[in-house]
Amino acid sequence: MKARFIRRNSINFKNWIQANAWLRYGVMGLGFLLCGWLLIITLKLYSAAWGPTDAFFVLGGSIRREMYVAELAKQHPEIRVLISQGSEDPCILLVFQREQAPLSQVWLEKCADSTFDNFYFNIPLLNRWGVRKIKLITSTTHLPRAQWMAQIMLGAHGIWVEPDIIEEQGTGNWETFYKTGLDLARSLGWVAFSYFVQPKCTKSLALSEVDLEAWRNSDFKCERQDELKLY
């Protein structure tokens, strides 16, 4: 009986050693894959940082951001503009018309309901465009949360983020440690899934497609800053 007990324990111990060996090999393999992925992403980001800007990416929240990007679009008509959940469509159109900025390279995304969504819905589009470097346009009231989230979520896809921060009138958003920590955790958690899940926004359009006359019938209102006269 005693010999049988010792033999059984010996077999169990050997099985435990083998199982742990496979576990170690698995962890080491995952570690090598992660290191390889990080190396590739780092090299892509380093290369993109020295390259030209491929797109102006505007986070919605204030019409001043659209006023600013309209000026940039006028200076750089060859660069795409992506405005994520910005002001009302006709207001953006009127801002661009006021600046006499080109409309053909401007797209409006209307699906995002949060800063996380700004990147969640637009990573697939930026990848399809072949974007490797963006100018992220937002305000001081959106920092540092928006910048860190962009660097995590877009950086994981080899897209270099160059912040372009404008001063905001009024109080704007209130950033808190809790909100920043929660959004950063969500961003880190989403990185792995973002390679397999490709969300598509069904409420997006080119700025040139906005029907201003149809909007006039809806009696829309635009945010007023710097005595901007849109009518």
Foldseek 3Di string as FASTA:
>chain_A
DVVVVVVVVVVVVVVVVVVVVVVVVVVVVVVVVVVVLVVVLVVLLVVLVPDDFQEEEEEAFACVLLLVVLLVQQVPVPHAYEYEQHWPLLSSLLSNVVSVGDQPRYKYFNDDPDLLSSLQACLVVCVVSVGQEYEYEDEPQCPDQSVLLCCLQVSSVNHHYHYDYDYDPDDTHHDDPVVSVVSNVVSNVCSVVSVPDHDHGPPMDGSVPDDNVVVVVVVDDDDDDPNDDRD
